[in-house]
């Protein structure tokens, strides 16, 4: 049975999130297109736009160095055409033992089976 583009997109995003939680940048980037765009949640109000596979790779490598306990728990995920929406809770810990979390939403665009856009939004 052939997967629909919606099922395929959701599976791609789920695999991306699993790689994120392993802090596997290579695995994450294998699921992103060469011309990918990542829109970060910070700084307010618009976030930084990072474009191109090389720049996005570098961002994630630095991110995990600064956030060694980063973890995203998916609260809800659904697909619509070439887009996937994921509601999440992001948890972290710092070097002093402090812990925190935020909740937010990512909107993914899928192109040719790869993530071409990841737009991140956070509450608060």
PDB file of N, CA and C in Angstrom:
ATOM      1  N   UNK A   1       0.842  -1.185   0.000  1.00  0.00           N
ATOM      2  CA  UNK A   1       0.000   0.000   0.000  1.00  0.00           C
ATOM      3  C   UNK A   1       0.884   1.244   0.000  1.00  0.00           C
ATOM      4  N   UNK A   2       0.601   2.171  -0.880  1.00  0.00           N
ATOM      5  CA  UNK A   2       1.383   3.392  -1.021  1.00  0.00           C
ATOM      6  C   UNK A   2       0.973   4.408   0.050  1.00  0.00           C
ATOM      7  N   UNK A   3       1.986   5.033   0.685  1.00  0.00           N
ATOM      8  CA  UNK A   3       1.719   6.071   1.682  1.00  0.00           C
ATOM      9  C   UNK A   3       1.290   7.359   0.984  1.00  0.00           C
ATOM     10  N   UNK A   4       0.360   8.059   1.580  1.00  0.00           N
ATOM     11  CA  UNK A   4      -0.022   9.358   1.039  1.00  0.00           C
ATOM     12  C   UNK A   4       1.067  10.373   1.358  1.00  0.00           C
ATOM     13  N   UNK A   5       1.040  11.508   0.664  1.00  0.00           N
ATOM     14  CA  UNK A   5       2.037  12.550   0.935  1.00  0.00           C
ATOM     15  C   UNK A   5       1.896  13.069   2.371  1.00  0.00           C
ATOM     16  N   UNK A   6       0.681  13.039   2.923  1.00  0.00           N
ATOM     17  CA  UNK A   6       0.472  13.481   4.304  1.00  0.00           C
ATOM     18  C   UNK A   6       1.148  12.501   5.263  1.00  0.00           C
ATOM     19  N   UNK A   7       0.891  11.203   5.097  1.00  0.00           N
ATOM     20  CA  UNK A   7       1.518  10.199   5.967  1.00  0.00           C
ATOM     21  C   UNK A   7       3.035  10.250   5.849  1.00  0.00           C
ATOM     22  N   UNK A   8       3.527  10.400   4.628  1.00  0.00           N
ATOM     23  CA  UNK A   8       4.961  10.450   4.397  1.00  0.00           C
ATOM     24  C   UNK A   8       5.580  11.671   5.082  1.00  0.00           C
ATOM     25  N   UNK A   9       4.925  12.820   4.986  1.00  0.00           N
ATOM     26  CA  UNK A   9       5.420  14.036   5.632  1.00  0.00           C
ATOM     27  C   UNK A   9       5.453  13.911   7.146  1.00  0.00           C
ATOM     28  N   UNK A  10       4.393  13.351   7.725  1.00  0.00           N
ATOM     29  CA  UNK A  10       4.340  13.167   9.178  1.00  0.00           C
ATOM     30  C   UNK A  10       5.450  12.210   9.616  1.00  0.00           C
ATOM     31  N   UNK A  11       5.655  11.132   8.866  1.00  0.00           N
ATOM     32  CA  UNK A  11       6.724  10.185   9.211  1.00  0.00           C
ATOM     33  C   UNK A  11       8.100  10.847   9.141  1.00  0.00           C
ATOM     34  N   UNK A  12       8.302  11.703   8.154  1.00  0.00           N
ATOM     35  CA  UNK A  12       9.578  12.426   8.035  1.00  0.00           C
ATOM     36  C   UNK A  12       9.795  13.317   9.248  1.00  0.00           C
ATOM     37  N   UNK A  13       8.772  14.036   9.665  1.00  0.00           N
ATOM     38  CA  UNK A  13       8.885  14.923  10.827  1.00  0.00           C
ATOM     39  C   UNK A  13       9.094  14.105  12.107  1.00  0.00           C
ATOM     40  N   UNK A  14       8.407  12.985  12.241  1.00  0.00           N
ATOM     41  CA  UNK A  14       8.619  12.119  13.409  1.00  0.00           C
ATOM     42  C   UNK A  14      10.061  11.619  13.458  1.00  0.00           C
ATOM     43  N   UNK A  15      10.605  11.217  12.316  1.00  0.00           N
ATOM     44  CA  UNK A  15      11.998  10.757  12.266  1.00  0.00           C
ATOM     45  C   UNK A  15      12.957  11.897  12.609  1.00  0.00           C
ATOM     46  N   UNK A  16      12.645  13.114  12.143  1.00  0.00           N
ATOM     47  CA  UNK A  16      13.462  14.284  12.464  1.00  0.00           C
ATOM     48  C   UNK A  16      13.471  14.512  13.978  1.00  0.00           C
ATOM     49  N   UNK A  17      12.296  14.430  14.600  1.00  0.00           N
ATOM     50  CA  UNK A  17      12.206  14.656  16.043  1.00  0.00           C
ATOM     51  C   UNK A  17      12.950  13.573  16.829  1.00  0.00           C
ATOM     52  N   UNK A  18      12.871  12.326  16.359  1.00  0.00           N
ATOM     53  CA  UNK A  18      13.620  11.250  17.025  1.00  0.00           C
ATOM     54  C   UNK A  18      15.122  11.523  16.959  1.00  0.00           C
ATOM     55  N   UNK A  19      15.603  11.976  15.802  1.00  0.00           N
ATOM     56  CA  UNK A  19      17.026  12.322  15.664  1.00  0.00           C
ATOM     57  C   UNK A  19      17.368  13.509  16.566  1.00  0.00           C
ATOM     58  N   UNK A  20      16.461  14.500  16.656  1.00  0.00           N
ATOM     59  CA  UNK A  20      16.677  15.641  17.552  1.00  0.00           C
ATOM     60  C   UNK A  20      16.889  15.150  18.984  1.00  0.00           C
ATOM     61  N   UNK A  21      16.021  14.273  19.441  1.00  0.00           N
ATOM     62  CA  UNK A  21      16.106  13.805  20.826  1.00  0.00           C
ATOM     63  C   UNK A  21      17.342  12.942  21.090  1.00  0.00           C
ATOM     64  N   UNK A  22      17.948  12.404  20.035  1.00  0.00           N
ATOM     65  CA  UNK A  22      19.232  11.699  20.163  1.00  0.00           C
ATOM     66  C   UNK A  22      20.407  12.662  20.014  1.00  0.00           C
ATOM     67  N   UNK A  23      20.098  13.919  19.668  1.00  0.00           N
ATOM     68  CA  UNK A  23      21.106  14.947  19.375  1.00  0.00           C
ATOM     69  C   UNK A  23      21.958  14.520  18.181  1.00  0.00           C
ATOM     70  N   UNK A  24      21.316  13.876  17.219  1.00  0.00           N
ATOM     71  CA  UNK A  24      21.946  13.321  16.030  1.00  0.00           C
ATOM     72  C   UNK A  24      21.775  14.310  14.871  1.00  0.00           C
ATOM     73  N   UNK A  25      22.692  15.275  14.786  1.00  0.00           N
ATOM     74  CA  UNK A  25      22.587  16.310  13.761  1.00  0.00           C
ATOM     75  C   UNK A  25      22.665  15.706  12.365  1.00  0.00           C
ATOM     76  N   UNK A  26      23.511  14.718  12.166  1.00  0.00           N
ATOM     77  CA  UNK A  26      23.617  14.068  10.859  1.00  0.00           C
ATOM     78  C   UNK A  26      22.277  13.442  10.466  1.00  0.00           C
ATOM     79  N   UNK A  27      21.640  12.765  11.405  1.00  0.00           N
ATOM     80  CA  UNK A  27      20.335  12.168  11.147  1.00  0.00           C
ATOM     81  C   UNK A  27      19.268  13.210  10.853  1.00  0.00           C
ATOM     82  N   UNK A  28      19.304  14.316  11.582  1.00  0.00           N
ATOM     83  CA  UNK A  28      18.346  15.398  11.342  1.00  0.00           C
ATOM     84  C   UNK A  28      18.524  15.977   9.945  1.00  0.00           C
ATOM     85  N   UNK A  29      19.779  16.252   9.597  1.00  0.00           N
ATOM     86  CA  UNK A  29      20.051  16.924   8.334  1.00  0.00           C
ATOM     87  C   UNK A  29      19.835  16.009   7.129  1.00  0.00           C
ATOM     88  N   UNK A  30      19.874  14.699   7.329  1.00  0.00           N
ATOM     89  CA  UNK A  30      19.558  13.768   6.247  1.00  0.00           C
ATOM     90  C   UNK A  30      18.099  13.897   5.832  1.00  0.00           C
ATOM     91  N   UNK A  31      17.285  14.499   6.688  1.00  0.00           N
ATOM     92  CA  UNK A  31      15.856  14.665   6.424  1.00  0.00           C
ATOM     93  C   UNK A  31      15.502  16.078   5.962  1.00  0.00           C
ATOM     94  N   UNK A  32      16.522  16.931   5.772  1.00  0.00           N
ATOM     95  CA  UNK A  32      16.292  18.307   5.330  1.00  0.00           C
ATOM     96  C   UNK A  32      16.882  18.515   3.940  1.00  0.00           C
ATOM     97  N   UNK A  33      16.227  19.344   3.156  1.00  0.00           N
ATOM     98  CA  UNK A  33      16.670  19.620   1.788  1.00  0.00           C
ATOM     99  C   UNK A  33      17.899  20.534   1.792  1.00  0.00           C
ATOM    100  N   UNK A  34      18.592  20.574   0.660  1.00  0.00           N
ATOM    101  CA  UNK A  34      19.787  21.428   0.528  1.00  0.00           C
ATOM    102  C   UNK A  34      19.442  22.902   0.725  1.00  0.00           C
ATOM    103  N   UNK A  35      18.258  23.300   0.287  1.00  0.00           N
ATOM    104  CA  UNK A  35      17.844  24.705   0.376  1.00  0.00           C
ATOM    105  C   UNK A  35      16.942  24.968   1.587  1.00  0.00           C
ATOM    106  N   UNK A  36      17.096  24.153   2.635  1.00  0.00           N
ATOM    107  CA  UNK A  36      16.214  24.251   3.799  1.00  0.00           C
ATOM    108  C   UNK A  36      16.327  25.609   4.495  1.00  0.00           C
ATOM    109  N   UNK A  37      15.235  25.951   5.162  1.00  0.00           N
ATOM    110  CA  UNK A  37      15.153  27.183   5.951  1.00  0.00           C
ATOM    111  C   UNK A  37      14.635  26.810   7.336  1.00  0.00           C
ATOM    112  N   UNK A  38      15.327  27.299   8.358  1.00  0.00           N
ATOM    113  CA  UNK A  38      14.885  27.121   9.742  1.00  0.00           C
ATOM    114  C   UNK A  38      14.675  28.499  10.331  1.00  0.00           C
ATOM    115  N   UNK A  39      13.478  28.741  10.860  1.00  0.00           N
ATOM    116  CA  UNK A  39      13.157  29.999  11.525  1.00  0.00           C
ATOM    117  C   UNK A  39      13.087  29.711  13.014  1.00  0.00           C
ATOM    118  N   UNK A  40      14.065  30.216  13.767  1.00  0.00           N
ATOM    119  CA  UNK A  40      14.177  29.981  15.200  1.00  0.00           C
ATOM    120  C   UNK A  40      13.128  30.785  15.969  1.00  0.00           C
ATOM    121  N   UNK A  41      12.914  30.419  17.208  1.00  0.00           N
ATOM    122  CA  UNK A  41      11.938  31.123  18.048  1.00  0.00           C
ATOM    123  C   UNK A  41      12.505  32.420  18.620  1.00  0.00           C
ATOM    124  N   UNK A  42      13.815  32.562  18.640  1.00  0.00           N
ATOM    125  CA  UNK A  42      14.440  33.750  19.215  1.00  0.00           C
ATOM    126  C   UNK A  42      15.287  34.457  18.167  1.00  0.00           C
ATOM    127  N   UNK A  43      15.524  35.742  18.317  1.00  0.00           N
ATOM    128  CA  UNK A  43      14.954  36.612  19.345  1.00  0.00           C
ATOM    129  C   UNK A  43      13.551  37.074  18.961  1.00  0.00           C
ATOM    130  N   UNK A  44      12.796  37.461  19.975  1.00  0.00           N
ATOM    131  CA  UNK A  44      11.450  37.997  19.758  1.00  0.00           C
ATOM    132  C   UNK A  44      11.555  39.278  18.946  1.00  0.00           C
ATOM    133  N   UNK A  45      10.598  39.628  18.169  1.00  0.00           N
ATOM    134  CA  UNK A  45       9.356  38.907  17.960  1.00  0.00           C
ATOM    135  C   UNK A  45       9.397  37.973  16.750  1.00  0.00           C
ATOM    136  N   UNK A  46      10.432  38.051  15.911  1.00  0.00           N
ATOM    137  CA  UNK A  46      10.396  37.321  14.648  1.00  0.00           C
ATOM    138  C   UNK A  46      11.310  36.101  14.567  1.00  0.00           C
ATOM    139  N   UNK A  47      12.305  36.008  15.422  1.00  0.00           N
ATOM    140  CA  UNK A  47      13.233  34.882  15.353  1.00  0.00           C
ATOM    141  C   UNK A  47      14.247  35.042  14.240  1.00  0.00           C
ATOM    142  N   UNK A  48      15.334  34.335  14.360  1.00  0.00           N
ATOM    143  CA  UNK A  48      16.397  34.350  13.360  1.00  0.00           C
ATOM    144  C   UNK A  48      16.073  33.349  12.257  1.00  0.00           C
ATOM    145  N   UNK A  49      16.305  33.749  11.017  1.00  0.00           N
ATOM    146  CA  UNK A  49      16.118  32.864   9.875  1.00  0.00           C
ATOM    147  C   UNK A  49      17.486  32.327   9.472  1.00  0.00           C
ATOM    148  N   UNK A  50      17.600  31.010   9.418  1.00  0.00           N
ATOM    149  CA  UNK A  50      18.845  30.349   9.035  1.00  0.00           C
ATOM    150  C   UNK A  50      18.543  29.582   7.756  1.00  0.00           C
ATOM    151  N   UNK A  51      19.312  29.849   6.705  1.00  0.00           N
ATOM    152  CA  UNK A  51      19.012  29.270   5.397  1.00  0.00           C
ATOM    153  C   UNK A  51      20.187  28.466   4.865  1.00  0.00           C
ATOM    154  N   UNK A  52      19.863  27.341   4.240  1.00  0.00           N
ATOM    155  CA  UNK A  52      20.860  26.478   3.621  1.00  0.00           C
ATOM    156  C   UNK A  52      21.318  25.384   4.569  1.00  0.00           C
ATOM    157  N   UNK A  53      21.556  24.215   4.012  1.00  0.00           N
ATOM    158  CA  UNK A  53      21.875  23.032   4.808  1.00  0.00           C
ATOM    159  C   UNK A  53      23.123  23.221   5.662  1.00  0.00           C
ATOM    160  N   UNK A  54      24.147  23.864   5.136  1.00  0.00           N
ATOM    161  CA  UNK A  54      25.385  24.072   5.891  1.00  0.00           C
ATOM    162  C   UNK A  54      25.142  24.956   7.114  1.00  0.00           C
ATOM    163  N   UNK A  55      24.432  26.067   6.941  1.00  0.00           N
ATOM    164  CA  UNK A  55      24.161  26.982   8.051  1.00  0.00           C
ATOM    165  C   UNK A  55      23.247  26.343   9.096  1.00  0.00           C
ATOM    166  N   UNK A  56      22.234  25.605   8.647  1.00  0.00           N
ATOM    167  CA  UNK A  56      21.313  24.944   9.583  1.00  0.00           C
ATOM    168  C   UNK A  56      22.057  23.852  10.360  1.00  0.00           C
ATOM    169  N   UNK A  57      22.927  23.115   9.682  1.00  0.00           N
ATOM    170  CA  UNK A  57      23.749  22.096  10.359  1.00  0.00           C
ATOM    171  C   UNK A  57      24.583  22.729  11.463  1.00  0.00           C
ATOM    172  N   UNK A  58      25.235  23.825  11.145  1.00  0.00           N
ATOM    173  CA  UNK A  58      26.072  24.516  12.133  1.00  0.00           C
ATOM    174  C   UNK A  58      25.236  24.994  13.322  1.00  0.00           C
ATOM    175  N   UNK A  59      24.036  25.516  13.032  1.00  0.00           N
ATOM    176  CA  UNK A  59      23.162  25.958  14.119  1.00  0.00           C
ATOM    177  C   UNK A  59      22.883  24.809  15.081  1.00  0.00           C
ATOM    178  N   UNK A  60      22.479  23.638  14.545  1.00  0.00           N
ATOM    179  CA  UNK A  60      22.116  22.518  15.412  1.00  0.00           C
ATOM    180  C   UNK A  60      23.321  21.988  16.186  1.00  0.00           C
ATOM    181  N   UNK A  61      24.483  21.976  15.566  1.00  0.00           N
ATOM    182  CA  UNK A  61      25.684  21.527  16.286  1.00  0.00           C
ATOM    183  C   UNK A  61      25.951  22.429  17.492  1.00  0.00           C
ATOM    184  N   UNK A  62      25.878  23.736  17.302  1.00  0.00           N
ATOM    185  CA  UNK A  62      26.088  24.688  18.398  1.00  0.00           C
ATOM    186  C   UNK A  62      24.970  24.599  19.427  1.00  0.00           C
ATOM    187  N   UNK A  63      23.746  24.404  18.956  1.00  0.00           N
ATOM    188  CA  UNK A  63      22.595  24.306  19.851  1.00  0.00           C
ATOM    189  C   UNK A  63      22.782  23.167  20.852  1.00  0.00           C
ATOM    190  N   UNK A  64      23.152  21.982  20.364  1.00  0.00           N
ATOM    191  CA  UNK A  64      23.304  20.829  21.258  1.00  0.00           C
ATOM    192  C   UNK A  64      24.517  20.960  22.178  1.00  0.00           C
ATOM    193  N   UNK A  65      25.531  21.688  21.760  1.00  0.00           N
ATOM    194  CA  UNK A  65      26.661  21.963  22.659  1.00  0.00           C
ATOM    195  C   UNK A  65      26.199  22.826  23.832  1.00  0.00           C
ATOM    196  N   UNK A  66      25.319  23.779  23.558  1.00  0.00           N
ATOM    197  CA  UNK A  66      24.820  24.684  24.592  1.00  0.00           C
ATOM    198  C   UNK A  66      23.654  24.087  25.378  1.00  0.00           C
ATOM    199  N   UNK A  67      22.973  23.114  24.810  1.00  0.00           N
ATOM    200  CA  UNK A  67      21.784  22.508  25.434  1.00  0.00           C
ATOM    201  C   UNK A  67      21.918  20.990  25.438  1.00  0.00           C
ATOM    202  N   UNK A  68      22.832  20.447  26.245  1.00  0.00           N
ATOM    203  CA  UNK A  68      23.098  19.005  26.186  1.00  0.00           C
ATOM    204  C   UNK A  68      21.954  18.125  26.689  1.00  0.00           C
ATOM    205  N   UNK A  69      20.949  18.700  27.320  1.00  0.00           N
ATOM    206  CA  UNK A  69      19.808  17.910  27.787  1.00  0.00           C
ATOM    207  C   UNK A  69      18.533  18.234  27.012  1.00  0.00           C
ATOM    208  N   UNK A  70      18.678  18.852  25.847  1.00  0.00           N
ATOM    209  CA  UNK A  70      17.523  19.243  25.044  1.00  0.00           C
ATOM    210  C   UNK A  70      16.668  18.034  24.681  1.00  0.00           C
ATOM    211  N   UNK A  71      15.349  18.198  24.842  1.00  0.00           N
ATOM    212  CA  UNK A  71      14.411  17.119  24.517  1.00  0.00           C
ATOM    213  C   UNK A  71      13.076  17.737  24.113  1.00  0.00           C
ATOM    214  N   UNK A  72      12.506  17.219  23.044  1.00  0.00           N
ATOM    215  CA  UNK A  72      11.180  17.672  22.604  1.00  0.00           C
ATOM    216  C   UNK A  72      10.195  16.513  22.703  1.00  0.00           C
ATOM    217  N   UNK A  73       9.131  16.775  23.435  1.00  0.00           N
ATOM    218  CA  UNK A  73       8.027  15.819  23.559  1.00  0.00           C
ATOM    219  C   UNK A  73       6.900  16.295  22.649  1.00  0.00           C
ATOM    220  N   UNK A  74       6.482  15.449  21.722  1.00  0.00           N
ATOM    221  CA  UNK A  74       5.390  15.809  20.812  1.00  0.00           C
ATOM    222  C   UNK A  74       4.073  15.687  21.563  1.00  0.00           C
ATOM    223  N   UNK A  75       3.286  16.762  21.556  1.00  0.00           N
ATOM    224  CA  UNK A  75       1.962  16.757  22.179  1.00  0.00           C
ATOM    225  C   UNK A  75       0.880  16.432  21.145  1.00  0.00           C
ATOM    226  N   UNK A  76       1.120  16.859  19.894  1.00  0.00           N
ATOM    227  CA  UNK A  76       0.157  16.603  18.826  1.00  0.00           C
ATOM    228  C   UNK A  76       0.866  16.826  17.496  1.00  0.00           C
ATOM    229  N   UNK A  77       0.511  16.029  16.496  1.00  0.00           N
ATOM    230  CA  UNK A  77       1.103  16.201  15.172  1.00  0.00           C
ATOM    231  C   UNK A  77       0.060  15.828  14.128  1.00  0.00           C
ATOM    232  N   UNK A  78       0.017  16.601  13.052  1.00  0.00           N
ATOM    233  CA  UNK A  78      -0.873  16.254  11.948  1.00  0.00           C
ATOM    234  C   UNK A  78      -0.337  16.846  10.652  1.00  0.00           C
ATOM    235  N   UNK A  79      -0.746  16.235   9.549  1.00  0.00           N
ATOM    236  CA  UNK A  79      -0.313  16.681   8.236  1.00  0.00           C
ATOM    237  C   UNK A  79      -1.466  17.241   7.437  1.00  0.00           C
ATOM    238  N   UNK A  80      -1.129  18.141   6.528  1.00  0.00           N
ATOM    239  CA  UNK A  80      -2.113  18.739   5.634  1.00  0.00           C
ATOM    240  C   UNK A  80      -1.392  19.082   4.340  1.00  0.00           C
ATOM    241  N   UNK A  81      -1.601  18.295   3.321  1.00  0.00           N
ATOM    242  CA  UNK A  81      -0.904  18.524   2.058  1.00  0.00           C
ATOM    243  C   UNK A  81       0.594  18.359   2.243  1.00  0.00           C
ATOM    244  N   UNK A  82       1.345  19.363   1.835  1.00  0.00           N
ATOM    245  CA  UNK A  82       2.797  19.322   1.947  1.00  0.00           C
ATOM    246  C   UNK A  82       3.292  19.965   3.241  1.00  0.00           C
ATOM    247  N   UNK A  83       2.401  20.112   4.195  1.00  0.00           N
ATOM    248  CA  UNK A  83       2.755  20.716   5.481  1.00  0.00           C
ATOM    249  C   UNK A  83       2.460  19.765   6.634  1.00  0.00           C
ATOM    250  N   UNK A  84       3.190  19.945   7.697  1.00  0.00           N
ATOM    251  CA  UNK A  84       2.978  19.173   8.915  1.00  0.00           C
ATOM    252  C   UNK A  84       3.073  20.147  10.083  1.00  0.00           C
ATOM    253  N   UNK A  85       2.159  20.033  11.023  1.00  0.00           N
ATOM    254  CA  UNK A  85       2.145  20.892  12.206  1.00  0.00           C
ATOM    255  C   UNK A  85       2.384  20.006  13.428  1.00  0.00           C
ATOM    256  N   UNK A  86       3.309  20.442  14.256  1.00  0.00           N
ATOM    257  CA  UNK A  86       3.656  19.680  15.451  1.00  0.00           C
ATOM    258  C   UNK A  86       3.600  20.614  16.666  1.00  0.00           C
ATOM    259  N   UNK A  87       2.739  20.273  17.632  1.00  0.00           N
ATOM    260  CA  UNK A  87       2.684  20.997  18.908  1.00  0.00           C
ATOM    261  C   UNK A  87       3.586  20.236  19.864  1.00  0.00           C
ATOM    262  N   UNK A  88       4.445  20.959  20.591  1.00  0.00           N
ATOM    263  CA  UNK A  88       5.488  20.299  21.372  1.00  0.00           C
ATOM    264  C   UNK A  88       5.745  20.976  22.716  1.00  0.00           C
ATOM    265  N   UNK A  89       6.473  20.241  23.549  1.00  0.00           N
ATOM    266  CA  UNK A  89       7.014  20.768  24.804  1.00  0.00           C
ATOM    267  C   UNK A  89       8.519  20.531  24.749  1.00  0.00           C
ATOM    268  N   UNK A  90       9.283  21.614  24.902  1.00  0.00           N
ATOM    269  CA  UNK A  90      10.739  21.545  24.875  1.00  0.00           C
ATOM    270  C   UNK A  90      11.252  21.661  26.311  1.00  0.00           C
ATOM    271  N   UNK A  91      11.986  20.650  26.766  1.00  0.00           N
ATOM    272  CA  UNK A  91      12.568  20.628  28.113  1.00  0.00           C
ATOM    273  C   UNK A  91      14.085  20.730  28.018  1.00  0.00           C
ATOM    274  N   UNK A  92      14.684  21.411  28.997  1.00  0.00           N
ATOM    275  CA  UNK A  92      16.131  21.534  29.050  1.00  0.00           C
ATOM    276  C   UNK A  92      16.605  21.560  30.493  1.00  0.00           C
ATOM    277  N   UNK A  93      17.894  21.392  30.656  1.00  0.00           N
ATOM    278  CA  UNK A  93      18.558  21.535  31.943  1.00  0.00           C
ATOM    279  C   UNK A  93      19.822  22.340  31.722  1.00  0.00           C
ATOM    280  N   UNK A  94      20.243  23.050  32.750  1.00  0.00           N
ATOM    281  CA  UNK A  94      21.475  23.819  32.609  1.00  0.00           C
ATOM    282  C   UNK A  94      22.579  23.253  33.498  1.00  0.00           C
ATOM    283  N   UNK A  95      23.762  23.833  33.378  1.00  0.00           N
ATOM    284  CA  UNK A  95      24.922  23.325  34.107  1.00  0.00           C
ATOM    285  C   UNK A  95      24.790  23.464  35.620  1.00  0.00           C
ATOM    286  N   UNK A  96      23.877  24.302  36.105  1.00  0.00           N
ATOM    287  CA  UNK A  96      23.673  24.496  37.543  1.00  0.00           C
ATOM    288  C   UNK A  96      22.565  23.611  38.108  1.00  0.00           C
ATOM    289  N   UNK A  97      22.043  22.703  37.292  1.00  0.00           N
ATOM    290  CA  UNK A  97      20.986  21.812  37.751  1.00  0.00           C
ATOM    291  C   UNK A  97      19.592  22.384  37.578  1.00  0.00           C
ATOM    292  N   UNK A  98      19.508  23.600  37.054  1.00  0.00           N
ATOM    293  CA  UNK A  98      18.196  24.203  36.807  1.00  0.00           C
ATOM    294  C   UNK A  98      17.523  23.532  35.620  1.00  0.00           C
ATOM    295  N   UNK A  99      16.218  23.460  35.682  1.00  0.00           N
ATOM    296  CA  UNK A  99      15.450  22.844  34.603  1.00  0.00           C
ATOM    297  C   UNK A  99      14.361  23.823  34.159  1.00  0.00           C
ATOM    298  N   UNK A 100      13.930  23.659  32.954  1.00  0.00           N
ATOM    299  CA  UNK A 100      12.860  24.509  32.455  1.00  0.00           C
ATOM    300  C   UNK A 100      12.194  23.888  31.246  1.00  0.00           C
ATOM    301  N   UNK A 101      11.111  24.517  30.814  1.00  0.00           N
ATOM    302  CA  UNK A 101      10.443  24.079  29.593  1.00  0.00           C
ATOM    303  C   UNK A 101       9.655  25.229  28.987  1.00  0.00           C
ATOM    304  N   UNK A 102       9.387  25.111  27.706  1.00  0.00           N
ATOM    305  CA  UNK A 102       8.471  25.986  26.981  1.00  0.00           C
ATOM    306  C   UNK A 102       7.633  25.089  26.086  1.00  0.00           C
ATOM    307  N   UNK A 103       6.509  25.634  25.655  1.00  0.00           N
ATOM    308  CA  UNK A 103       5.648  24.914  24.723  1.00  0.00           C
ATOM    309  C   UNK A 103       5.536  25.739  23.453  1.00  0.00           C
ATOM    310  N   UNK A 104       5.356  25.047  22.344  1.00  0.00           N
ATOM    311  CA  UNK A 104       5.268  25.762  21.082  1.00  0.00           C
ATOM    312  C   UNK A 104       4.759  24.899  19.954  1.00  0.00           C
ATOM    313  N   UNK A 105       4.913  25.424  18.760  1.00  0.00           N
ATOM    314  CA  UNK A 105       4.424  24.785  17.541  1.00  0.00           C
ATOM    315  C   UNK A 105       5.488  24.943  16.458  1.00  0.00           C
ATOM    316  N   UNK A 106       5.684  23.901  15.667  1.00  0.00           N
ATOM    317  CA  UNK A 106       6.506  23.979  14.461  1.00  0.00           C
ATOM    318  C   UNK A 106       5.604  23.726  13.264  1.00  0.00           C
ATOM    319  N   UNK A 107       5.834  24.490  12.215  1.00  0.00           N
ATOM    320  CA  UNK A 107       5.166  24.262  10.946  1.00  0.00           C
ATOM    321  C   UNK A 107       6.248  23.844   9.955  1.00  0.00           C
ATOM    322  N   UNK A 108       6.124  22.634   9.450  1.00  0.00           N
ATOM    323  CA  UNK A 108       7.097  22.079   8.511  1.00  0.00           C
ATOM    324  C   UNK A 108       6.515  22.096   7.109  1.00  0.00           C
ATOM    325  N   UNK A 109       7.366  22.366   6.126  1.00  0.00           N
ATOM    326  CA  UNK A 109       6.990  22.193   4.732  1.00  0.00           C
ATOM    327  C   UNK A 109       7.850  21.054   4.190  1.00  0.00           C
ATOM    328  N   UNK A 110       7.207  20.143   3.485  1.00  0.00           N
ATOM    329  CA  UNK A 110       7.883  18.983   2.916  1.00  0.00           C
ATOM    330  C   UNK A 110       7.961  19.157   1.403  1.00  0.00           C
ATOM    331  N   UNK A 111       9.174  18.956   0.862  1.00  0.00           N
ATOM    332  CA  UNK A 111       9.365  19.067  -0.584  1.00  0.00           C
ATOM    333  C   UNK A 111      10.199  17.864  -1.030  1.00  0.00           C
ATOM    334  N   UNK A 112       9.679  17.105  -1.962  1.00  0.00           N
ATOM    335  CA  UNK A 112      10.378  15.912  -2.469  1.00  0.00           C
ATOM    336  C   UNK A 112      10.789  14.970  -1.340  1.00  0.00           C
ATOM    337  N   UNK A 113       9.922  14.827  -0.347  1.00  0.00           N
ATOM    338  CA  UNK A 113      10.158  13.898   0.756  1.00  0.00           C
ATOM    339  C   UNK A 113      11.093  14.396   1.843  1.00  0.00           C
ATOM    340  N   UNK A 114      11.565  15.632   1.725  1.00  0.00           N
ATOM    341  CA  UNK A 114      12.478  16.208   2.723  1.00  0.00           C
ATOM    342  C   UNK A 114      11.882  17.478   3.320  1.00  0.00           C
ATOM    343  N   UNK A 115      12.334  17.821   4.502  1.00  0.00           N
ATOM    344  CA  UNK A 115      11.889  19.051   5.160  1.00  0.00           C
ATOM    345  C   UNK A 115      12.604  20.222   4.494  1.00  0.00           C
ATOM    346  N   UNK A 116      11.823  21.116   3.911  1.00  0.00           N
ATOM    347  CA  UNK A 116      12.416  22.294   3.277  1.00  0.00           C
ATOM    348  C   UNK A 116      12.267  23.539   4.150  1.00  0.00           C
ATOM    349  N   UNK A 117      11.323  23.492   5.077  1.00  0.00           N
ATOM    350  CA  UNK A 117      11.101  24.623   5.976  1.00  0.00           C
ATOM    351  C   UNK A 117      10.681  24.118   7.339  1.00  0.00           C
ATOM    352  N   UNK A 118      11.250  24.733   8.386  1.00  0.00           N
ATOM    353  CA  UNK A 118      10.851  24.447   9.770  1.00  0.00           C
ATOM    354  C   UNK A 118      10.693  25.797  10.444  1.00  0.00           C
ATOM    355  N   UNK A 119       9.458  26.207  10.633  1.00  0.00           N
ATOM    356  CA  UNK A 119       9.143  27.483  11.255  1.00  0.00           C
ATOM    357  C   UNK A 119       8.699  27.219  12.685  1.00  0.00           C
ATOM    358  N   UNK A 120       9.415  27.777  13.651  1.00  0.00           N
ATOM    359  CA  UNK A 120       9.170  27.489  15.072  1.00  0.00           C
ATOM    360  C   UNK A 120       8.561  28.694  15.780  1.00  0.00           C
ATOM    361  N   UNK A 121       7.547  28.410  16.601  1.00  0.00           N
ATOM    362  CA  UNK A 121       6.851  29.428  17.376  1.00  0.00           C
ATOM    363  C   UNK A 121       6.727  28.932  18.812  1.00  0.00           C
ATOM    364  N   UNK A 122       6.881  29.850  19.771  1.00  0.00           N
ATOM    365  CA  UNK A 122       6.854  29.444  21.186  1.00  0.00           C
ATOM    366  C   UNK A 122       5.868  30.332  21.951  1.00  0.00           C
ATOM    367  N   UNK A 123       5.253  29.742  22.976  1.00  0.00           N
ATOM    368  CA  UNK A 123       4.377  30.499  23.880  1.00  0.00           C
ATOM    369  C   UNK A 123       5.244  31.291  24.847  1.00  0.00           C
ATOM    370  N   UNK A 124       4.816  32.508  25.131  1.00  0.00           N
ATOM    371  CA  UNK A 124       5.484  33.263  26.189  1.00  0.00           C
ATOM    372  C   UNK A 124       6.526  34.179  25.791  1.00  0.00           C
TER     373      UNK A 124
END
